[in-house]
Protein backbone atom coordinates (compact mmCIF):
# COMPACT_ATOMS: atom_id res chain seq x y z
CA MET A 1 44.41 34.48 16.69
CA MET A 2 41.30 35.24 14.60
CA ASP A 3 40.62 33.16 11.48
CA ARG A 4 37.53 32.61 9.39
CA ARG A 5 36.11 29.97 11.75
CA ASN A 6 36.24 32.46 14.64
CA ILE A 7 34.69 35.29 12.67
CA ASP A 8 31.85 33.07 11.46
CA ALA A 9 31.18 31.94 15.03
CA LEU A 10 30.48 35.57 15.98
CA ASN A 11 27.59 35.72 13.56
CA PRO A 12 24.84 33.29 14.52
CA GLU A 13 23.11 33.69 11.11
CA ALA A 14 26.21 32.16 9.45
CA HIS A 15 25.30 28.75 10.78
CA PRO A 16 21.59 27.97 10.17
CA LEU A 17 22.12 24.31 11.23
CA ARG A 18 22.65 25.42 14.76
CA HIS A 19 19.02 26.50 14.93
CA LEU A 20 17.51 23.11 13.98
CA THR A 21 15.23 21.21 16.30
CA GLU A 22 16.32 17.76 17.29
CA ALA A 23 13.80 16.27 14.83
CA GLN A 24 14.95 18.44 11.99
CA PHE A 25 18.58 17.51 12.71
CA ALA A 26 17.75 13.76 12.71
CA ALA A 27 15.86 14.10 9.49
CA LEU A 28 18.92 15.56 7.65
CA GLY A 29 20.42 12.12 7.27
CA GLY A 30 17.09 10.38 6.94
CA SER A 31 17.58 6.84 5.78
CA ALA A 32 20.67 7.74 3.75
CA VAL A 33 23.22 8.14 6.61
CA ALA A 34 24.06 5.55 9.23
CA TYR A 35 26.65 5.04 11.94
CA ILE A 36 28.06 1.96 13.68
CA LYS A 37 28.13 1.82 17.41
CA PRO A 38 29.65 -0.99 19.48
CA VAL A 39 27.25 -1.88 22.30
CA TYR A 40 26.93 -4.64 24.86
CA GLY A 41 24.04 -7.14 24.68
CA GLU A 42 22.67 -5.79 27.98
CA LEU A 43 21.89 -2.49 26.38
CA LEU A 44 20.65 -4.08 23.17
CA SER A 45 18.18 -6.15 25.11
CA HIS A 46 16.58 -2.87 26.41
CA MET A 47 16.56 -1.42 22.92
CA ILE A 48 15.38 -4.39 20.91
CA SER A 49 13.01 -6.60 23.08
CA GLU A 50 12.14 -8.95 20.14
CA ALA A 51 15.56 -10.57 20.21
CA GLU A 52 17.91 -12.17 22.80
CA PHE A 53 21.44 -11.00 23.32
CA ASN A 54 24.26 -12.28 25.46
CA SER A 55 24.64 -9.45 27.98
CA ASP A 56 28.41 -9.62 28.22
CA GLU A 57 29.00 -9.87 24.44
CA LEU A 58 29.90 -6.79 22.44
CA TYR A 59 27.75 -6.27 19.28
CA GLN A 60 27.96 -3.87 16.37
CA LEU A 61 24.83 -1.79 16.08
CA VAL A 62 24.11 0.03 12.83
CA MET A 63 21.73 2.94 13.29
CA SER A 64 20.18 5.44 10.92
CA ALA A 65 20.79 9.12 11.44
CA ASP A 66 17.40 9.40 13.17
CA GLY A 67 18.37 6.69 15.77
CA THR A 68 16.44 3.83 14.20
CA PRO A 69 18.34 0.51 14.62
CA LEU A 70 18.95 -0.89 11.18
CA MET A 71 20.93 -4.07 12.03
CA VAL A 72 22.96 -5.83 14.70
CA ALA A 73 25.84 -8.05 14.16
CA ASP A 74 28.39 -9.83 16.30
CA THR A 75 31.41 -8.89 14.12
CA ALA A 76 32.54 -5.85 12.17
CA ASP A 77 33.00 -8.08 9.08
CA ALA A 78 29.32 -8.90 9.11
CA VAL A 79 28.52 -5.15 9.26
CA THR A 80 30.81 -4.44 6.37
CA GLU A 81 29.27 -7.21 4.32
CA TRP A 82 25.77 -5.96 5.06
CA LEU A 83 26.71 -2.37 4.24
CA GLY A 84 28.04 -3.36 0.88
CA ASP A 85 24.49 -4.24 -0.12
CA GLN A 86 23.04 -1.02 1.18
CA ASN A 87 22.87 2.53 -0.26
CA LEU A 88 24.01 4.25 2.92
CA GLY A 89 26.66 6.85 3.77
CA LEU A 90 28.56 6.19 6.96
CA ALA A 91 29.08 8.92 9.56
CA THR A 92 31.82 8.66 12.12
CA LEU A 93 31.10 9.21 15.74
CA HIS A 94 33.25 11.59 17.71
């Protein structure tokens, strides 16, 4: 079955975002878009060396679209409260 999505896929010029470099793609969201990613303290210890994390504990990491860590919390409620004071759009991860 052919529909509009399939027809557009045949034309590479129809999707200019597919030709962005990694840096250009990251800059699209800049500091206006963020996502929340649950991560264990062990990984956070490698990412953020200035702080100590319990390696077996699950934390909520808020990152900007360009991959910059914005904040770490131990609960989703803390993230929700922090986001309420920020001017950020949230992207969902698939």
